[in-house]
Amino acid sequence: MNMKRHTLALASVLAVTGCATTGGERDYSESLYLRGQFAWWDALPEYKVKKVDSGLYRTEVELKADGQPYEFKFGDANWSSGTNCGYLSEADDKVVELDTPVNANCSAVFENFRFTPPESAVYGFFFDTSGEVPQVYIKKAE
């Protein structure tokens, strides 16, 4: 019985940490969405990220500039730990400004990014995993 409990506990740990132990670059284009107020926090197909470079993912959304911030995160369809990406530091990373990368925490729960668009337009939302810490940034689409 004790061995059975130990095996079950080990299996639980491996299930939670499995993604971190597989090695190699993870392809987020299969599972990651831009989720936020503009989509009622749903994982909608039009906001699924696309790989644009090694470790760099992007999607677009049209936003209205009404002076109010939009809250958003990057997450999979189930808000799984490891793919529930919000801000890393409230003081430094919560508010996203155009063309300015901020750090992400992919084990976030309530740490939503905030972005106030300076004008009504289509914006590109980027998720960059090429560095040691994932980063998020926004650029106006051309």
N, C-alpha and C. Protein backbone atom coordinates (compact mmCIF):
# COMPACT_ATOMS: atom_id res chain seq x y z
N MET A 1 0.82 -1.19 0.00
CA MET A 1 0.00 0.00 0.00
C MET A 1 0.87 1.26 0.00
N ASN A 2 1.91 1.27 0.82
CA ASN A 2 2.80 2.42 0.89
C ASN A 2 3.48 2.66 -0.47
N MET A 3 3.92 1.58 -1.12
CA MET A 3 4.56 1.69 -2.43
C MET A 3 3.57 2.23 -3.46
N LYS A 4 2.32 1.81 -3.36
CA LYS A 4 1.28 2.28 -4.28
C LYS A 4 1.09 3.79 -4.13
N ARG A 5 1.04 4.29 -2.89
CA ARG A 5 0.90 5.72 -2.63
C ARG A 5 2.09 6.49 -3.18
N HIS A 6 3.30 5.93 -2.98
CA HIS A 6 4.52 6.57 -3.46
C HIS A 6 4.51 6.67 -4.99
N THR A 7 4.08 5.60 -5.67
CA THR A 7 4.01 5.59 -7.12
C THR A 7 2.99 6.60 -7.62
N LEU A 8 1.85 6.69 -6.96
CA LEU A 8 0.82 7.64 -7.33
C LEU A 8 1.32 9.08 -7.14
N ALA A 9 2.02 9.35 -6.06
CA ALA A 9 2.56 10.68 -5.80
C ALA A 9 3.59 11.04 -6.87
N LEU A 10 4.46 10.10 -7.23
CA LEU A 10 5.46 10.35 -8.26
C LEU A 10 4.79 10.61 -9.61
N ALA A 11 3.76 9.87 -9.94
CA ALA A 11 3.03 10.07 -11.19
C ALA A 11 2.39 11.46 -11.22
N SER A 12 1.88 11.93 -10.09
CA SER A 12 1.28 13.26 -10.01
C SER A 12 2.33 14.34 -10.26
N VAL A 13 3.51 14.17 -9.67
CA VAL A 13 4.59 15.14 -9.86
C VAL A 13 5.01 15.16 -11.32
N LEU A 14 5.15 14.02 -11.94
CA LEU A 14 5.55 13.95 -13.34
C LEU A 14 4.48 14.57 -14.24
N ALA A 15 3.21 14.39 -13.93
CA ALA A 15 2.14 14.98 -14.73
C ALA A 15 2.19 16.49 -14.69
N VAL A 16 2.50 17.05 -13.55
CA VAL A 16 2.56 18.51 -13.40
C VAL A 16 3.82 19.07 -14.04
N THR A 17 4.94 18.38 -13.91
CA THR A 17 6.21 18.91 -14.40
C THR A 17 6.62 18.34 -15.75
N GLY A 18 5.81 17.50 -16.33
CA GLY A 18 6.19 16.82 -17.57
C GLY A 18 6.64 17.73 -18.68
N CYS A 19 5.98 18.86 -18.86
CA CYS A 19 6.35 19.77 -19.94
C CYS A 19 7.75 20.31 -19.76
N ALA A 20 8.13 20.55 -18.53
CA ALA A 20 9.45 21.15 -18.29
C ALA A 20 10.57 20.14 -18.47
N THR A 21 10.25 18.85 -18.45
CA THR A 21 11.31 17.86 -18.51
C THR A 21 11.46 17.22 -19.89
N THR A 22 10.66 17.62 -20.85
CA THR A 22 10.72 16.97 -22.15
C THR A 22 11.89 17.45 -22.99
N GLY A 23 12.40 18.65 -22.74
CA GLY A 23 13.53 19.18 -23.50
C GLY A 23 13.10 19.69 -24.85
N GLY A 24 13.95 20.46 -25.48
CA GLY A 24 13.66 21.01 -26.79
C GLY A 24 12.68 22.17 -26.72
N GLU A 25 12.50 22.79 -27.87
CA GLU A 25 11.59 23.94 -27.94
C GLU A 25 10.16 23.47 -28.04
N ARG A 26 9.30 24.04 -27.25
CA ARG A 26 7.88 23.71 -27.27
C ARG A 26 7.20 24.52 -28.36
N ASP A 27 6.30 23.90 -29.11
CA ASP A 27 5.57 24.59 -30.17
C ASP A 27 4.22 25.03 -29.63
N TYR A 28 4.12 26.31 -29.31
CA TYR A 28 2.89 26.85 -28.74
C TYR A 28 1.80 27.09 -29.79
N SER A 29 2.14 27.01 -31.07
CA SER A 29 1.14 27.28 -32.11
C SER A 29 0.04 26.23 -32.14
N GLU A 30 0.26 25.10 -31.48
CA GLU A 30 -0.75 24.05 -31.43
C GLU A 30 -1.79 24.28 -30.33
N SER A 31 -1.46 25.11 -29.33
CA SER A 31 -2.37 25.16 -28.17
C SER A 31 -2.58 26.54 -27.56
N LEU A 32 -1.83 27.56 -27.95
CA LEU A 32 -1.88 28.84 -27.24
C LEU A 32 -2.78 29.85 -27.94
N TYR A 33 -3.58 30.55 -27.12
CA TYR A 33 -4.50 31.57 -27.62
C TYR A 33 -4.27 32.87 -26.87
N LEU A 34 -4.56 33.97 -27.55
CA LEU A 34 -4.67 35.25 -26.87
C LEU A 34 -6.08 35.27 -26.30
N ARG A 35 -6.17 35.42 -24.99
CA ARG A 35 -7.47 35.39 -24.32
C ARG A 35 -7.64 36.68 -23.53
N GLY A 36 -8.84 37.25 -23.59
CA GLY A 36 -9.06 38.50 -22.88
C GLY A 36 -10.48 38.98 -22.98
N GLN A 37 -10.68 40.20 -22.49
CA GLN A 37 -12.02 40.79 -22.46
C GLN A 37 -12.64 40.89 -23.85
N PHE A 38 -11.81 41.16 -24.87
CA PHE A 38 -12.30 41.31 -26.24
C PHE A 38 -12.92 40.03 -26.78
N ALA A 39 -12.65 38.89 -26.13
CA ALA A 39 -13.18 37.59 -26.57
C ALA A 39 -13.95 36.90 -25.45
N TRP A 40 -14.36 37.67 -24.44
CA TRP A 40 -15.05 37.11 -23.27
C TRP A 40 -14.22 36.01 -22.62
N TRP A 41 -12.90 36.12 -22.74
CA TRP A 41 -11.91 35.20 -22.16
C TRP A 41 -11.95 33.80 -22.78
N ASP A 42 -12.68 33.63 -23.88
CA ASP A 42 -12.73 32.33 -24.55
C ASP A 42 -11.48 32.10 -25.40
N ALA A 43 -11.19 30.83 -25.65
CA ALA A 43 -10.10 30.44 -26.56
C ALA A 43 -10.71 30.32 -27.95
N LEU A 44 -10.72 31.43 -28.68
CA LEU A 44 -11.35 31.47 -30.00
C LEU A 44 -10.32 31.20 -31.10
N PRO A 45 -10.72 30.47 -32.14
CA PRO A 45 -9.78 30.10 -33.20
C PRO A 45 -9.09 31.30 -33.85
N GLU A 46 -9.79 32.41 -33.98
CA GLU A 46 -9.18 33.58 -34.62
C GLU A 46 -8.07 34.21 -33.79
N TYR A 47 -7.97 33.85 -32.51
CA TYR A 47 -6.92 34.39 -31.65
C TYR A 47 -5.88 33.34 -31.27
N LYS A 48 -5.86 32.23 -32.00
CA LYS A 48 -4.81 31.23 -31.79
C LYS A 48 -3.50 31.78 -32.35
N VAL A 49 -2.43 31.60 -31.61
CA VAL A 49 -1.15 32.16 -32.06
C VAL A 49 -0.60 31.36 -33.24
N LYS A 50 0.20 32.05 -34.05
CA LYS A 50 0.91 31.42 -35.17
C LYS A 50 2.40 31.65 -34.95
N LYS A 51 3.16 30.64 -35.26
CA LYS A 51 4.61 30.75 -35.12
C LYS A 51 5.15 31.64 -36.26
N VAL A 52 5.93 32.68 -35.89
CA VAL A 52 6.49 33.58 -36.90
C VAL A 52 8.01 33.48 -36.97
N ASP A 53 8.61 32.87 -35.96
CA ASP A 53 10.06 32.69 -35.92
C ASP A 53 10.35 31.68 -34.81
N SER A 54 11.59 31.28 -34.68
CA SER A 54 11.94 30.34 -33.62
C SER A 54 11.63 30.95 -32.25
N GLY A 55 10.66 30.36 -31.54
CA GLY A 55 10.29 30.83 -30.21
C GLY A 55 9.40 32.06 -30.20
N LEU A 56 8.94 32.54 -31.38
CA LEU A 56 8.13 33.75 -31.45
C LEU A 56 6.77 33.44 -32.07
N TYR A 57 5.72 33.86 -31.37
CA TYR A 57 4.34 33.59 -31.78
C TYR A 57 3.58 34.90 -31.83
N ARG A 58 2.54 34.95 -32.69
CA ARG A 58 1.81 36.20 -32.89
C ARG A 58 0.36 35.91 -33.25
N THR A 59 -0.51 36.82 -32.85
CA THR A 59 -1.88 36.86 -33.31
C THR A 59 -2.31 38.31 -33.34
N GLU A 60 -3.45 38.58 -33.96
CA GLU A 60 -3.93 39.96 -34.08
C GLU A 60 -5.32 40.09 -33.51
N VAL A 61 -5.60 41.32 -33.06
CA VAL A 61 -6.95 41.63 -32.59
C VAL A 61 -7.23 43.10 -32.87
N GLU A 62 -8.46 43.39 -33.26
CA GLU A 62 -8.88 44.78 -33.48
C GLU A 62 -9.41 45.32 -32.16
N LEU A 63 -8.86 46.44 -31.74
CA LEU A 63 -9.25 47.05 -30.46
C LEU A 63 -9.75 48.47 -30.67
N LYS A 64 -10.73 48.86 -29.88
CA LYS A 64 -11.25 50.23 -29.88
C LYS A 64 -10.54 51.03 -28.80
N ALA A 65 -10.17 52.24 -29.14
CA ALA A 65 -9.53 53.13 -28.17
C ALA A 65 -10.63 53.97 -27.51
N ASP A 66 -11.00 53.58 -26.30
CA ASP A 66 -12.01 54.33 -25.56
C ASP A 66 -11.46 54.80 -24.21
N GLY A 67 -10.14 54.71 -24.05
CA GLY A 67 -9.51 55.14 -22.81
C GLY A 67 -9.46 54.09 -21.73
N GLN A 68 -10.12 52.96 -21.96
CA GLN A 68 -10.14 51.87 -20.97
C GLN A 68 -9.14 50.78 -21.34
N PRO A 69 -8.46 50.22 -20.34
CA PRO A 69 -7.51 49.14 -20.66
C PRO A 69 -8.23 47.83 -20.96
N TYR A 70 -7.64 47.06 -21.85
CA TYR A 70 -8.08 45.69 -22.10
C TYR A 70 -7.22 44.78 -21.25
N GLU A 71 -7.84 43.83 -20.58
CA GLU A 71 -7.08 42.81 -19.85
C GLU A 71 -6.95 41.59 -20.75
N PHE A 72 -5.79 40.94 -20.68
CA PHE A 72 -5.55 39.77 -21.52
C PHE A 72 -4.46 38.89 -20.93
N LYS A 73 -4.39 37.67 -21.44
CA LYS A 73 -3.34 36.70 -21.13
C LYS A 73 -3.15 35.83 -22.36
N PHE A 74 -2.09 35.04 -22.34
CA PHE A 74 -1.94 33.97 -23.30
C PHE A 74 -2.22 32.68 -22.54
N GLY A 75 -3.07 31.82 -23.08
CA GLY A 75 -3.39 30.57 -22.40
C GLY A 75 -3.91 29.54 -23.37
N ASP A 76 -3.87 28.30 -22.94
CA ASP A 76 -4.46 27.24 -23.77
C ASP A 76 -5.96 27.18 -23.50
N ALA A 77 -6.64 26.25 -24.13
CA ALA A 77 -8.09 26.16 -24.00
C ALA A 77 -8.55 25.81 -22.59
N ASN A 78 -7.66 25.21 -21.78
CA ASN A 78 -8.05 24.75 -20.44
C ASN A 78 -7.39 25.53 -19.31
N TRP A 79 -6.70 26.62 -19.62
CA TRP A 79 -5.97 27.39 -18.60
C TRP A 79 -4.98 26.50 -17.86
N SER A 80 -4.31 25.61 -18.57
CA SER A 80 -3.38 24.68 -17.94
C SER A 80 -2.16 25.39 -17.37
N SER A 81 -1.67 24.90 -16.24
CA SER A 81 -0.43 25.43 -15.67
C SER A 81 0.68 25.20 -16.68
N GLY A 82 1.50 26.21 -16.89
CA GLY A 82 2.55 26.14 -17.89
C GLY A 82 2.15 26.81 -19.19
N THR A 83 0.84 26.99 -19.40
CA THR A 83 0.34 27.73 -20.57
C THR A 83 -0.76 28.69 -20.14
N ASN A 84 -0.63 29.26 -18.97
CA ASN A 84 -1.54 30.28 -18.46
C ASN A 84 -0.66 31.48 -18.15
N CYS A 85 -0.39 32.29 -19.18
CA CYS A 85 0.69 33.27 -19.12
C CYS A 85 0.18 34.69 -18.90
N GLY A 86 0.44 35.19 -17.70
CA GLY A 86 0.14 36.57 -17.34
C GLY A 86 1.43 37.27 -16.96
N TYR A 87 1.30 38.41 -16.30
CA TYR A 87 2.51 39.18 -15.98
C TYR A 87 3.33 38.51 -14.89
N LEU A 88 4.65 38.76 -14.94
CA LEU A 88 5.57 38.21 -13.95
C LEU A 88 5.61 39.10 -12.71
N SER A 89 5.79 40.41 -12.90
CA SER A 89 5.89 41.35 -11.78
C SER A 89 4.82 42.42 -11.95
N GLU A 90 3.99 42.61 -10.93
CA GLU A 90 2.94 43.60 -11.02
C GLU A 90 3.50 45.00 -11.27
N ALA A 91 4.60 45.33 -10.61
CA ALA A 91 5.19 46.66 -10.73
C ALA A 91 5.79 46.92 -12.12
N ASP A 92 6.39 45.89 -12.73
CA ASP A 92 7.14 46.09 -13.97
C ASP A 92 6.47 45.55 -15.23
N ASP A 93 5.59 44.58 -15.10
CA ASP A 93 5.13 43.84 -16.27
C ASP A 93 3.62 43.86 -16.51
N LYS A 94 2.84 44.37 -15.58
CA LYS A 94 1.38 44.30 -15.69
C LYS A 94 0.84 45.15 -16.84
N VAL A 95 1.32 46.39 -16.94
CA VAL A 95 0.86 47.31 -17.98
C VAL A 95 1.79 47.20 -19.19
N VAL A 96 1.20 46.89 -20.33
CA VAL A 96 1.97 46.73 -21.56
C VAL A 96 1.80 47.99 -22.41
N GLU A 97 2.93 48.56 -22.81
CA GLU A 97 2.95 49.72 -23.71
C GLU A 97 3.38 49.22 -25.09
N LEU A 98 3.00 49.94 -26.13
CA LEU A 98 3.38 49.55 -27.49
C LEU A 98 4.89 49.39 -27.61
N ASP A 99 5.30 48.34 -28.32
CA ASP A 99 6.71 48.08 -28.67
C ASP A 99 7.63 47.91 -27.47
N THR A 100 7.09 47.60 -26.30
CA THR A 100 7.91 47.45 -25.09
C THR A 100 7.66 46.07 -24.47
N PRO A 101 8.63 45.15 -24.58
CA PRO A 101 8.44 43.81 -24.01
C PRO A 101 8.32 43.83 -22.49
N VAL A 102 7.46 42.95 -21.98
CA VAL A 102 7.33 42.73 -20.53
C VAL A 102 7.47 41.24 -20.29
N ASN A 103 7.85 40.88 -19.07
CA ASN A 103 8.06 39.47 -18.72
C ASN A 103 6.76 38.79 -18.37
N ALA A 104 6.69 37.50 -18.74
CA ALA A 104 5.50 36.70 -18.49
C ALA A 104 5.79 35.57 -17.51
N ASN A 105 4.76 35.18 -16.80
CA ASN A 105 4.78 34.03 -15.89
C ASN A 105 3.72 33.07 -16.42
N CYS A 106 4.14 31.89 -16.87
CA CYS A 106 3.20 30.95 -17.48
C CYS A 106 2.58 29.98 -16.48
N SER A 107 2.71 30.29 -15.21
CA SER A 107 1.96 29.59 -14.16
C SER A 107 1.07 30.60 -13.44
N ALA A 108 0.67 31.63 -14.15
CA ALA A 108 -0.16 32.70 -13.58
C ALA A 108 -1.58 32.20 -13.33
N VAL A 109 -2.26 32.88 -12.43
CA VAL A 109 -3.67 32.57 -12.19
C VAL A 109 -4.51 33.82 -12.46
N PHE A 110 -4.27 34.88 -11.70
CA PHE A 110 -5.05 36.11 -11.84
C PHE A 110 -4.23 37.28 -12.37
N GLU A 111 -3.02 37.04 -12.84
CA GLU A 111 -2.11 38.11 -13.24
C GLU A 111 -2.33 38.50 -14.70
N ASN A 112 -3.40 39.22 -14.96
CA ASN A 112 -3.73 39.64 -16.32
C ASN A 112 -2.92 40.86 -16.73
N PHE A 113 -2.43 40.83 -17.96
CA PHE A 113 -1.79 42.01 -18.54
C PHE A 113 -2.88 43.05 -18.81
N ARG A 114 -2.46 44.32 -18.90
CA ARG A 114 -3.37 45.41 -19.27
C ARG A 114 -2.75 46.22 -20.39
N PHE A 115 -3.58 46.52 -21.40
CA PHE A 115 -3.13 47.34 -22.52
C PHE A 115 -4.22 48.33 -22.88
N THR A 116 -3.87 49.61 -22.92
CA THR A 116 -4.80 50.66 -23.34
C THR A 116 -4.37 51.12 -24.73
N PRO A 117 -5.12 50.76 -25.76
CA PRO A 117 -4.71 51.14 -27.12
C PRO A 117 -4.75 52.66 -27.30
N PRO A 118 -3.70 53.23 -27.89
CA PRO A 118 -3.68 54.68 -28.10
C PRO A 118 -4.64 55.14 -29.20
N GLU A 119 -5.01 54.22 -30.09
CA GLU A 119 -5.98 54.52 -31.14
C GLU A 119 -6.69 53.23 -31.54
N SER A 120 -7.89 53.36 -32.11
CA SER A 120 -8.61 52.19 -32.59
C SER A 120 -7.86 51.63 -33.80
N ALA A 121 -7.48 50.37 -33.72
CA ALA A 121 -6.67 49.77 -34.78
C ALA A 121 -6.55 48.27 -34.55
N VAL A 122 -5.89 47.60 -35.49
CA VAL A 122 -5.54 46.19 -35.33
C VAL A 122 -4.15 46.14 -34.73
N TYR A 123 -3.99 45.31 -33.69
CA TYR A 123 -2.72 45.20 -33.00
C TYR A 123 -2.22 43.76 -33.06
N GLY A 124 -0.92 43.61 -33.22
CA GLY A 124 -0.27 42.31 -33.15
C GLY A 124 0.18 42.06 -31.72
N PHE A 125 -0.22 40.94 -31.17
CA PHE A 125 0.18 40.52 -29.82
C PHE A 125 1.20 39.41 -29.97
N PHE A 126 2.37 39.60 -29.39
CA PHE A 126 3.49 38.67 -29.55
C PHE A 126 3.79 37.96 -28.23
N PHE A 127 4.12 36.67 -28.35
CA PHE A 127 4.55 35.84 -27.23
C PHE A 127 5.91 35.29 -27.62
N ASP A 128 6.96 35.71 -26.91
CA ASP A 128 8.34 35.39 -27.28
C ASP A 128 8.97 34.48 -26.23
N THR A 129 9.29 33.26 -26.63
CA THR A 129 9.88 32.29 -25.72
C THR A 129 11.37 32.06 -26.01
N SER A 130 11.98 32.94 -26.79
CA SER A 130 13.37 32.72 -27.20
C SER A 130 14.37 32.99 -26.09
N GLY A 131 14.01 33.76 -25.08
CA GLY A 131 14.92 34.07 -23.98
C GLY A 131 14.69 33.16 -22.78
N GLU A 132 15.35 33.50 -21.70
CA GLU A 132 15.24 32.71 -20.47
C GLU A 132 13.84 32.82 -19.85
N VAL A 133 13.24 34.02 -19.96
CA VAL A 133 11.90 34.28 -19.43
C VAL A 133 11.00 34.67 -20.61
N PRO A 134 9.82 34.06 -20.74
CA PRO A 134 8.93 34.45 -21.85
C PRO A 134 8.58 35.94 -21.75
N GLN A 135 8.45 36.57 -22.92
CA GLN A 135 8.07 37.97 -22.95
C GLN A 135 6.88 38.18 -23.85
N VAL A 136 6.14 39.25 -23.55
CA VAL A 136 4.96 39.64 -24.31
C VAL A 136 5.17 41.08 -24.77
N TYR A 137 4.79 41.35 -26.02
CA TYR A 137 4.79 42.74 -26.47
C TYR A 137 3.72 42.91 -27.54
N ILE A 138 3.38 44.18 -27.79
CA ILE A 138 2.31 44.53 -28.72
C ILE A 138 2.84 45.55 -29.71
N LYS A 139 2.49 45.35 -30.98
CA LYS A 139 2.83 46.31 -32.04
C LYS A 139 1.57 46.60 -32.83
N LYS A 140 1.46 47.81 -33.31
CA LYS A 140 0.35 48.15 -34.19
C LYS A 140 0.56 47.40 -35.51
N ALA A 141 -0.47 46.71 -35.98
CA ALA A 141 -0.36 45.96 -37.25
C ALA A 141 -0.27 46.93 -38.41
N GLU A 142 0.44 46.52 -39.43
CA GLU A 142 0.61 47.40 -40.61
C GLU A 142 -0.31 47.01 -41.72
